[in-house]
Amino acid sequence: MPFVSINPASGDVIKRFPDTAPDDVEHLMTRAHAALDDWRCRSIEERGDAFRRAAAGLRANRDRYAEAITTEMGKPIAEARAEVEKCAWACEYFAGETASYLSDVSLPSTARESYVEYQPLGLILAIMPWNFPFWQVFRFAAPALMAGNGTIVKHSPNTPQSALCIAEVFDEAGFPAGLYTNLFVAPEVADDLLLDDRIAAGTLTGSTRAGSEVAASAGRAVKKMVLELGGSDPFIVLADANLDEAVAVGVRARFQNTGQSCIAAKRFLIEEAIADEFQQRFVAAVEALSIGNPLDPQTQIGPLAREDLRDNLVRQVEESVAMGAQVLTGGQALDRPGYYYAPTVLTDVRPGMPVFQEETFGPVAPLIRVRDADEAICLANETRYGLGSNLWTRDTDRAKDLARRIAAGNVFINGMTASDPRLPFGGIKKSGYGRELSAFGIHEFTNIQTVWIGPAQQPPSSE
């Protein structure tokens, strides 16, 4: 697949980028491995200073980077600016917290002294997506590089401008040349790189199909992977919920980034007693969303990132309607240049319909009425995915009990699912495995090394 930047608001080609030549790939791999030797010997304080410079660079160039994001994948410009700012936050957060996350942990044993220390693994191959082209790179790179690793990044073919901007951030912040290396290569080349002995582990954010294929290669090479894959997140609203907040957050949770998010709310499970009122308010709020040029700060819904993504959404909705779903608003591609799809709300949705069973990556919200919390939990778990989830109720104690029954990596009670550098992020089932962010994320790409110092001591008496 060629690396080409296309403006999804018009369908016009912005620029094409050649694949990295095989000889150049080898040269860059050699350089990255050499940079790693320098970087891993630097103190955590020195690494942190580099990431603080990266944060400053992100903020200084925020508008330019945001425009690159928007022009090649269609994210509304206000959200693109927020994405760049979030990357700066992550850089500063891990610059400040890594020392505590990687400090030695003393553990009792038969040794005179025993402890666990965290050592970097080496070069990490990162296969990155297009929907949050900056954030999903920094979400991985900040903790992984602060731990002393290096990275080879294969970005998505439709966001090459963003890939080059990110490489610029690391270069201008003074990281060792090659420590962060961007390659424009085909998936099969990335697969071969995972088998290269210089690559210690890998991470992928993308589709379940892509994750399965890459994980198979990693398994053959006996290399660790962290996978953040698709999602079909439930948004459960119980009868005692604050409807004003549930509706407002629900609209943001479904339609942020024009619905193109793994952790977007994708199935709305509404308790029968408040279903009519929720539906009325929700539809009105969706119809009030501003659709337009994503470079306009007032725009809330831009185009989908690619034509094939829009076409797949058309199929999912049409097939669901043919199976009995009803369109309350939207329900079609917009007759205008670019890859626009109308913000859509469906009702009478049942298991088995594409908008229930599949991941819908766009501005489509299916509403499903449920008798009670038990049926809501049952339907919430009736999916192959397990990434995020939302639960709305005024009874927090009950919500905590219900959360334990939800099969997902994240449960957000009375709030919108979001990634946060301070909290572990990841999924279960077909949504992947491993965790990013927080102490859990930084430990994923370390050798958790046990150190035992003798002579052996007598175990404590059982008397």
Protein backbone atom coordinates (compact mmCIF):
# COMPACT_ATOMS: atom_id res chain seq x y z
CA MET A 1 0.00 0.00 0.00
CA PRO A 2 1.58 3.35 -1.05
CA PHE A 3 2.19 6.13 1.42
CA VAL A 4 0.03 8.97 0.14
CA SER A 5 -1.52 11.93 1.89
CA ILE A 6 -5.08 12.54 0.64
CA ASN A 7 -7.32 15.32 1.90
CA PRO A 8 -10.49 13.44 2.91
CA ALA A 9 -12.53 16.65 2.84
CA SER A 10 -12.02 16.88 -0.93
CA GLY A 11 -10.50 13.59 -2.10
CA ASP A 12 -7.51 15.47 -3.52
CA VAL A 13 -4.01 14.03 -3.33
CA ILE A 14 -1.72 16.26 -1.27
CA LYS A 15 1.55 14.39 -1.73
CA ARG A 16 2.91 10.92 -2.39
CA PHE A 17 5.88 9.51 -0.51
CA PRO A 18 8.23 6.78 -1.77
CA ASP A 19 8.76 3.63 0.26
CA THR A 20 12.00 3.45 2.20
CA ALA A 21 14.45 1.53 -0.01
CA PRO A 22 15.72 -1.85 1.31
CA ASP A 23 19.31 -0.58 1.58
CA ASP A 24 18.08 2.45 3.52
CA VAL A 25 16.05 0.23 5.85
CA GLU A 26 19.19 -1.70 6.72
CA HIS A 27 21.19 1.50 7.24
CA LEU A 28 18.49 2.98 9.47
CA MET A 29 18.20 -0.21 11.50
CA THR A 30 21.96 -0.18 12.11
CA ARG A 31 21.85 3.47 13.12
CA ALA A 32 18.92 2.87 15.48
CA HIS A 33 20.72 0.04 17.19
CA ALA A 34 23.78 2.24 17.71
CA ALA A 35 21.63 5.08 19.09
CA LEU A 36 20.14 2.64 21.58
CA ASP A 37 23.56 1.96 23.11
CA ASP A 38 23.94 5.68 23.80
CA TRP A 39 20.40 6.24 25.08
CA ARG A 40 20.14 3.35 27.51
CA CYS A 41 23.30 4.56 29.28
CA ARG A 42 21.82 7.98 29.92
CA SER A 43 20.25 8.71 33.27
CA ILE A 44 16.51 8.93 33.66
CA GLU A 45 16.97 12.64 34.38
CA GLU A 46 18.73 13.14 31.03
CA ARG A 47 16.00 11.24 29.20
CA GLY A 48 13.41 13.32 30.99
CA ASP A 49 15.06 16.55 29.88
CA ALA A 50 14.85 15.37 26.26
CA PHE A 51 11.15 14.65 26.64
CA ARG A 52 10.54 18.04 28.23
CA ARG A 53 12.15 19.60 25.15
CA ALA A 54 9.88 17.42 23.00
CA ALA A 55 6.85 18.72 24.90
CA ALA A 56 7.98 22.29 24.32
CA GLY A 57 8.45 21.58 20.62
CA LEU A 58 4.99 20.08 20.34
CA ARG A 59 3.42 23.15 21.90
CA ALA A 60 5.48 25.60 19.88
CA ASN A 61 4.38 23.93 16.65
CA ARG A 62 0.90 22.88 17.77
CA ASP A 63 -1.06 24.63 15.05
CA ARG A 64 1.18 23.40 12.23
CA TYR A 65 1.09 19.83 13.48
CA ALA A 66 -2.67 19.99 14.01
CA GLU A 67 -3.15 21.20 10.44
CA ALA A 68 -1.10 18.26 9.17
CA ILE A 69 -3.37 15.88 11.10
CA THR A 70 -6.54 17.52 9.85
CA THR A 71 -5.60 17.83 6.20
CA GLU A 72 -4.69 14.17 5.81
CA MET A 73 -7.20 12.35 8.03
CA GLY A 74 -10.03 14.84 8.51
CA LYS A 75 -10.02 15.32 12.29
CA PRO A 76 -11.75 18.60 13.25
CA ILE A 77 -8.99 21.12 13.86
CA ALA A 78 -9.99 21.83 17.47
CA GLU A 79 -9.62 18.12 18.27
CA ALA A 80 -6.30 17.96 16.38
CA ARG A 81 -4.90 20.77 18.49
CA ALA A 82 -6.06 18.99 21.63
CA GLU A 83 -4.35 15.81 20.41
CA VAL A 84 -0.99 17.57 20.05
CA GLU A 85 -1.40 19.11 23.51
CA LYS A 86 -2.13 15.68 24.99
CA CYS A 87 1.10 14.36 23.52
CA ALA A 88 3.01 17.16 25.24
CA TRP A 89 1.31 16.25 28.52
CA ALA A 90 2.37 12.61 28.14
CA CYS A 91 5.98 13.62 27.46
CA GLU A 92 6.07 15.76 30.60
CA TYR A 93 4.25 13.19 32.70
CA PHE A 94 6.65 10.34 31.96
CA ALA A 95 9.62 12.69 32.25
CA GLY A 96 8.54 13.30 35.82
CA GLU A 97 7.25 9.89 36.89
CA THR A 98 9.60 7.35 35.30
CA ALA A 99 12.14 7.40 38.13
CA SER A 100 9.49 6.20 40.58
CA TYR A 101 8.06 3.68 38.10
CA LEU A 102 11.47 2.12 37.49
CA SER A 103 12.88 2.22 41.00
CA ASP A 104 14.07 -1.08 42.42
CA VAL A 105 11.57 -3.10 44.45
CA SER A 106 12.92 -4.99 47.46
CA LEU A 107 11.33 -8.41 48.05
CA PRO A 108 11.90 -10.86 50.90
CA SER A 109 13.42 -14.25 50.04
CA THR A 110 16.07 -16.68 51.25
CA ALA A 111 18.72 -14.22 50.02
CA ARG A 112 20.63 -11.82 52.19
CA GLU A 113 19.21 -9.21 49.81
CA SER A 114 16.82 -9.60 46.89
CA TYR A 115 15.11 -7.11 44.66
CA VAL A 116 13.57 -6.53 41.23
CA GLU A 117 14.98 -3.99 38.81
CA TYR A 118 13.69 -2.84 35.43
CA GLN A 119 15.99 -2.93 32.42
CA PRO A 120 15.14 -1.77 28.86
CA LEU A 121 14.48 -4.50 26.30
CA GLY A 122 16.00 -2.78 23.25
CA LEU A 123 14.51 -1.69 19.93
CA ILE A 124 10.71 -1.85 19.81
CA LEU A 125 8.88 -2.10 16.48
CA ALA A 126 5.76 0.09 16.61
CA ILE A 127 3.04 -0.33 13.97
CA MET A 128 0.80 2.68 14.32
CA PRO A 129 -2.69 3.71 13.07
CA TRP A 130 -4.10 6.81 11.43
CA ASN A 131 -7.04 7.88 13.61
CA PHE A 132 -4.96 9.54 16.34
CA PRO A 133 -1.74 9.80 14.33
CA PHE A 134 0.20 11.75 16.98
CA TRP A 135 -1.29 10.54 20.25
CA GLN A 136 -1.03 6.83 19.60
CA VAL A 137 2.66 7.19 18.78
CA PHE A 138 3.47 9.26 21.88
CA ARG A 139 1.25 7.04 24.05
CA PHE A 140 3.68 4.25 23.29
CA ALA A 141 6.91 6.16 22.73
CA ALA A 142 7.01 8.32 25.85
CA PRO A 143 7.03 5.44 28.36
CA ALA A 144 9.01 3.06 26.15
CA LEU A 145 11.82 5.51 25.42
CA MET A 146 11.88 6.85 28.97
CA ALA A 147 12.53 3.25 30.05
CA GLY A 148 15.67 3.28 27.88
CA ASN A 149 14.36 1.61 24.73
CA GLY A 150 14.51 2.80 21.12
CA THR A 151 11.88 2.45 18.43
CA ILE A 152 11.35 1.72 14.76
CA VAL A 153 7.98 3.12 13.68
CA LYS A 154 5.88 2.01 10.74
CA HIS A 155 3.08 4.54 10.51
CA SER A 156 -0.18 4.21 8.59
CA PRO A 157 0.07 4.74 4.82
CA ASN A 158 -2.52 7.53 4.81
CA THR A 159 -0.84 9.72 7.46
CA PRO A 160 2.76 10.16 6.21
CA GLN A 161 2.80 13.90 6.94
CA SER A 162 2.06 13.21 10.59
CA ALA A 163 4.79 10.56 10.68
CA LEU A 164 7.37 13.05 9.41
CA CYS A 165 6.22 15.72 11.86
CA ILE A 166 6.68 13.31 14.79
CA ALA A 167 10.19 12.43 13.62
CA GLU A 168 10.88 16.18 13.51
CA VAL A 169 9.80 16.52 17.16
CA PHE A 170 12.37 13.95 18.28
CA ASP A 171 15.12 15.34 16.06
CA GLU A 172 14.66 18.92 17.22
CA ALA A 173 14.46 17.87 20.89
CA GLY A 174 17.99 16.46 20.63
CA PHE A 175 17.35 12.73 20.93
CA PRO A 176 20.21 10.57 19.59
CA ALA A 177 19.96 10.34 15.81
CA GLY A 178 18.05 7.19 14.95
CA LEU A 179 16.64 6.47 18.39
CA TYR A 180 13.22 7.26 16.93
CA THR A 181 13.26 5.99 13.34
CA ASN A 182 10.37 6.33 10.94
CA LEU A 183 10.10 3.89 8.02
CA PHE A 184 7.72 4.03 5.06
CA VAL A 185 7.43 0.30 4.41
CA ALA A 186 4.76 -2.19 3.41
CA PRO A 187 3.17 -4.49 6.01
CA GLU A 188 5.17 -7.49 4.80
CA VAL A 189 8.42 -5.56 5.34
CA ALA A 190 7.33 -4.67 8.86
CA ASP A 191 6.57 -8.35 9.40
CA ASP A 192 10.13 -9.21 8.35
CA LEU A 193 11.50 -6.55 10.71
CA LEU A 194 9.76 -8.21 13.62
CA LEU A 195 11.86 -11.30 12.89
CA ASP A 196 15.10 -9.28 12.87
CA ASP A 197 17.25 -10.08 15.90
CA ARG A 198 17.80 -6.37 16.50
CA ILE A 199 14.09 -5.95 17.29
CA ALA A 200 13.36 -6.98 20.88
CA ALA A 201 9.56 -6.61 20.95
CA GLY A 202 6.66 -4.97 19.19
CA THR A 203 3.46 -3.04 19.61
CA LEU A 204 0.52 -2.55 17.27
CA THR A 205 -2.56 -0.37 17.41
CA GLY A 206 -5.01 -1.26 14.67
CA SER A 207 -7.55 -3.78 13.52
CA THR A 208 -8.03 -7.20 15.07
CA ARG A 209 -7.06 -8.81 11.76
CA ALA A 210 -3.77 -6.88 11.62
CA GLY A 211 -3.07 -7.65 15.26
CA SER A 212 -3.64 -11.36 14.73
CA GLU A 213 -1.24 -11.46 11.79
CA VAL A 214 1.52 -9.54 13.55
CA ALA A 215 1.08 -11.52 16.76
CA ALA A 216 1.54 -14.73 14.79
CA SER A 217 4.88 -13.45 13.49
CA ALA A 218 5.90 -12.34 16.97
CA GLY A 219 5.03 -15.78 18.28
CA ARG A 220 7.28 -17.47 15.74
CA ALA A 221 10.08 -15.14 16.79
CA VAL A 222 9.27 -15.55 20.51
CA LYS A 223 8.93 -11.80 20.96
CA LYS A 224 6.59 -9.90 23.20
CA MET A 225 3.75 -7.84 21.70
CA VAL A 226 1.36 -5.27 23.09
CA LEU A 227 -1.83 -5.09 21.01
CA GLU A 228 -4.50 -2.39 21.17
CA LEU A 229 -7.12 -3.45 18.66
CA GLY A 230 -10.77 -2.82 17.84
CA GLY A 231 -13.66 -2.14 20.14
CA SER A 232 -17.45 -2.14 20.27
CA ASP A 233 -17.81 -0.31 23.54
CA PRO A 234 -21.16 -0.36 25.37
CA PHE A 235 -22.61 2.85 26.79
CA ILE A 236 -25.10 1.75 29.47
CA VAL A 237 -27.63 4.27 30.78
CA LEU A 238 -29.72 3.09 33.73
CA ALA A 239 -33.03 4.61 34.79
CA ASP A 240 -31.55 6.65 37.64
CA ALA A 241 -28.84 8.28 35.52
CA ASN A 242 -28.39 12.02 35.18
CA LEU A 243 -29.87 12.30 31.68
CA ASP A 244 -28.50 15.77 30.97
CA GLU A 245 -24.96 14.53 31.49
CA ALA A 246 -25.49 11.10 29.93
CA VAL A 247 -26.83 12.58 26.70
CA ALA A 248 -24.18 15.29 26.40
CA VAL A 249 -21.29 12.93 27.15
CA GLY A 250 -22.85 10.18 25.02
CA VAL A 251 -22.87 12.41 21.95
CA ARG A 252 -19.21 13.34 22.50
CA ALA A 253 -18.29 9.73 23.24
CA ARG A 254 -19.79 8.54 19.95
CA PHE A 255 -19.01 11.42 17.58
CA GLN A 256 -15.59 12.66 18.69
CA ASN A 257 -13.09 12.28 15.86
CA THR A 258 -16.15 11.72 13.62
CA GLY A 259 -16.68 8.42 15.41
CA GLN A 260 -13.28 7.04 14.39
CA SER A 261 -11.97 5.80 17.71
CA CYS A 262 -11.42 2.34 19.14
CA ILE A 263 -12.81 3.52 22.50
CA ALA A 264 -15.77 5.46 21.13
CA ALA A 265 -19.16 4.53 22.55
CA LYS A 266 -20.55 2.23 19.87
CA ARG A 267 -23.61 0.54 21.38
CA PHE A 268 -26.04 2.51 23.54
CA LEU A 269 -27.92 0.27 25.98
CA ILE A 270 -30.74 2.29 27.52
CA GLU A 271 -33.01 1.10 30.31
CA GLU A 272 -36.62 1.00 29.14
CA ALA A 273 -37.99 3.43 31.73
CA ILE A 274 -35.98 6.35 30.31
CA ALA A 275 -35.44 5.14 26.73
CA ASP A 276 -37.96 7.46 25.07
CA GLU A 277 -36.64 10.58 26.78
CA PHE A 278 -33.01 9.64 26.16
CA GLN A 279 -33.74 8.95 22.50
CA GLN A 280 -35.50 12.28 22.00
CA ARG A 281 -32.72 14.28 23.63
CA PHE A 282 -29.95 12.29 21.96
CA VAL A 283 -31.34 12.67 18.44
CA ALA A 284 -31.83 16.40 18.93
CA ALA A 285 -28.23 16.78 20.10
CA VAL A 286 -26.89 14.76 17.16
CA GLU A 287 -28.89 16.80 14.66
CA ALA A 288 -27.37 19.96 16.14
CA LEU A 289 -23.79 18.83 15.39
CA SER A 290 -21.93 21.07 12.94
CA ILE A 291 -20.75 19.27 9.79
CA GLY A 292 -18.21 20.97 7.56
CA ASN A 293 -14.65 21.81 6.66
CA PRO A 294 -12.49 20.21 9.38
CA LEU A 295 -10.14 23.21 9.28
CA ASP A 296 -13.00 25.40 10.55
CA PRO A 297 -12.75 25.57 14.38
CA GLN A 298 -16.56 25.41 14.60
CA THR A 299 -16.77 22.06 12.80
CA GLN A 300 -17.64 19.08 14.99
CA ILE A 301 -18.07 16.41 12.28
CA GLY A 302 -15.57 16.16 9.47
CA PRO A 303 -15.09 13.57 6.74
CA LEU A 304 -14.12 9.98 7.35
CA ALA A 305 -10.42 9.43 6.77
CA ARG A 306 -10.73 7.27 3.65
CA GLU A 307 -13.29 6.41 1.00
CA ASP A 308 -13.25 2.70 1.87
CA LEU A 309 -14.08 3.51 5.50
CA ARG A 310 -17.12 5.50 4.42
CA ASP A 311 -18.22 2.75 2.05
CA ASN A 312 -17.99 0.14 4.80
CA LEU A 313 -20.12 2.30 7.07
CA VAL A 314 -22.72 2.59 4.30
CA ARG A 315 -22.79 -1.22 4.09
CA GLN A 316 -23.13 -1.69 7.84
CA VAL A 317 -26.07 0.70 8.10
CA GLU A 318 -27.86 -0.55 4.97
CA GLU A 319 -27.57 -4.19 6.05
CA SER A 320 -28.78 -3.35 9.56
CA VAL A 321 -31.78 -1.45 8.19
CA ALA A 322 -32.59 -4.38 5.94
CA MET A 323 -32.63 -6.55 9.09
CA GLY A 324 -35.10 -4.25 10.87
CA ALA A 325 -33.18 -1.29 12.31
CA GLN A 326 -34.90 2.10 11.99
CA VAL A 327 -33.13 5.33 11.04
CA LEU A 328 -33.97 8.22 13.37
CA THR A 329 -31.62 10.69 11.72
CA GLY A 330 -28.91 10.53 9.05
CA GLY A 331 -28.37 7.13 7.53
CA GLN A 332 -26.53 8.01 4.33
CA ALA A 333 -23.34 9.35 2.80
CA LEU A 334 -23.52 13.08 2.17
CA ASP A 335 -23.71 14.36 -1.40
CA ARG A 336 -20.66 16.60 -1.28
CA PRO A 337 -16.96 16.33 -2.10
CA GLY A 338 -14.92 14.22 0.27
CA TYR A 339 -15.76 11.22 2.42
CA TYR A 340 -18.58 12.58 4.55
CA TYR A 341 -21.25 10.49 6.25
CA ALA A 342 -24.23 12.00 8.02
CA PRO A 343 -24.30 11.69 11.83
CA THR A 344 -26.69 8.79 12.28
CA VAL A 345 -28.86 7.38 15.04
CA LEU A 346 -30.54 3.98 14.67
CA THR A 347 -33.13 2.30 16.86
CA ASP A 348 -34.68 -1.19 17.00
CA VAL A 349 -31.14 -2.57 16.86
CA ARG A 350 -30.64 -6.22 17.82
CA PRO A 351 -27.73 -8.65 18.18
CA GLY A 352 -26.75 -10.05 14.81
CA MET A 353 -27.02 -6.73 12.97
CA PRO A 354 -23.71 -5.33 11.66
CA VAL A 355 -24.05 -2.16 13.78
CA PHE A 356 -24.26 -4.39 16.87
CA GLN A 357 -21.81 -7.20 16.03
CA GLU A 358 -19.12 -5.32 14.11
CA GLU A 359 -17.01 -2.34 15.03
CA THR A 360 -18.59 0.76 13.48
CA PHE A 361 -15.79 3.20 12.76
CA GLY A 362 -17.74 6.37 12.02
CA PRO A 363 -20.61 8.61 13.12
CA VAL A 364 -23.29 5.96 13.72
CA ALA A 365 -25.00 5.43 17.09
CA PRO A 366 -27.26 2.38 17.57
CA LEU A 367 -29.78 2.60 20.43
CA ILE A 368 -30.82 -0.66 22.13
CA ARG A 369 -33.57 -0.76 24.77
CA VAL A 370 -33.04 -3.07 27.74
CA ARG A 371 -35.36 -4.20 30.54
CA ASP A 372 -32.90 -3.67 33.37
CA ALA A 373 -29.24 -3.61 34.38
CA ASP A 374 -28.89 -7.38 34.09
CA GLU A 375 -29.96 -7.37 30.44
CA ALA A 376 -27.71 -4.37 29.79
CA ILE A 377 -24.66 -6.22 31.17
CA CYS A 378 -25.57 -9.35 29.21
CA LEU A 379 -25.79 -7.43 25.91
CA ALA A 380 -22.74 -5.34 26.74
CA ASN A 381 -20.69 -8.53 26.95
CA GLU A 382 -22.23 -10.04 23.81
CA THR A 383 -19.29 -8.99 21.65
CA ARG A 384 -15.92 -10.36 20.66
CA TYR A 385 -14.36 -7.10 21.82
CA GLY A 386 -13.45 -5.91 25.31
CA LEU A 387 -11.76 -2.52 25.22
CA GLY A 388 -13.77 0.22 26.95
CA SER A 389 -17.23 0.67 28.45
CA ASN A 390 -19.43 3.30 30.07
CA LEU A 391 -21.98 2.97 32.85
CA TRP A 392 -24.35 5.72 33.95
CA THR A 393 -26.19 5.61 37.28
CA ARG A 394 -26.42 7.81 40.37
CA ASP A 395 -25.81 4.78 42.61
CA THR A 396 -22.03 4.54 42.70
CA ASP A 397 -21.90 1.49 44.96
CA ARG A 398 -24.18 -0.40 42.59
CA ALA A 399 -22.09 0.81 39.66
CA LYS A 400 -18.94 -0.66 41.22
CA ASP A 401 -20.64 -4.04 41.56
CA LEU A 402 -21.89 -3.91 37.96
CA ALA A 403 -18.46 -2.86 36.68
CA ARG A 404 -17.01 -6.16 37.91
CA ARG A 405 -19.40 -7.96 35.55
CA ILE A 406 -18.38 -6.00 32.44
CA ALA A 407 -15.81 -7.81 30.32
CA ALA A 408 -13.62 -4.88 29.28
CA GLY A 409 -10.22 -3.42 30.02
CA ASN A 410 -11.75 -0.09 31.05
CA VAL A 411 -15.01 0.82 32.78
CA PHE A 412 -15.87 4.51 33.05
CA ILE A 413 -18.70 5.29 35.47
CA ASN A 414 -20.56 8.54 34.80
CA GLY A 415 -17.88 9.74 32.43
CA MET A 416 -16.43 9.35 28.94
CA THR A 417 -13.88 6.67 28.17
CA ALA A 418 -10.50 8.26 27.52
CA SER A 419 -6.84 7.37 27.78
CA ASP A 420 -4.87 9.11 30.52
CA PRO A 421 -1.09 8.85 31.07
CA ARG A 422 -1.74 8.13 34.76
CA LEU A 423 -3.98 5.09 34.14
CA PRO A 424 -3.32 1.74 32.43
CA PHE A 425 -5.00 1.42 29.04
CA GLY A 426 -5.79 -1.72 27.03
CA GLY A 427 -8.32 -4.45 26.36
CA ILE A 428 -9.19 -8.12 26.51
CA LYS A 429 -10.69 -10.66 24.09
CA LYS A 430 -10.31 -9.52 20.45
CA SER A 431 -9.42 -6.02 21.61
CA GLY A 432 -5.88 -7.16 22.32
CA TYR A 433 -3.59 -7.68 25.29
CA GLY A 434 -1.00 -5.84 27.29
CA ARG A 435 -1.28 -2.34 28.70
CA GLU A 436 -0.08 1.10 27.74
CA LEU A 437 0.47 4.17 29.95
CA SER A 438 1.02 4.44 33.72
CA ALA A 439 3.46 2.15 35.55
CA PHE A 440 1.85 -0.89 33.90
CA GLY A 441 2.60 0.47 30.44
CA ILE A 442 6.21 1.40 31.08
CA HIS A 443 6.87 -2.05 32.58
CA GLU A 444 5.59 -3.81 29.42
CA PHE A 445 8.84 -3.06 27.59
CA THR A 446 11.29 -3.79 30.37
CA ASN A 447 13.12 -6.85 31.55
CA ILE A 448 11.75 -7.35 35.05
CA GLN A 449 15.00 -8.70 36.43
CA THR A 450 15.29 -10.52 39.75
CA VAL A 451 18.56 -9.98 41.63
CA TRP A 452 19.41 -12.44 44.44
CA ILE A 453 22.41 -11.81 46.70
CA GLY A 454 23.69 -14.54 48.99
CA PRO A 455 24.63 -16.25 51.10
CA ALA A 456 21.25 -17.89 51.57
CA GLN A 457 19.48 -17.23 54.84
CA GLN A 458 17.42 -19.65 56.86
CA PRO A 459 13.70 -19.31 56.18
CA PRO A 460 11.69 -17.95 59.13
CA SER A 461 10.57 -20.53 61.66
CA SER A 462 7.01 -21.75 61.31
CA GLU A 463 6.71 -22.02 65.11
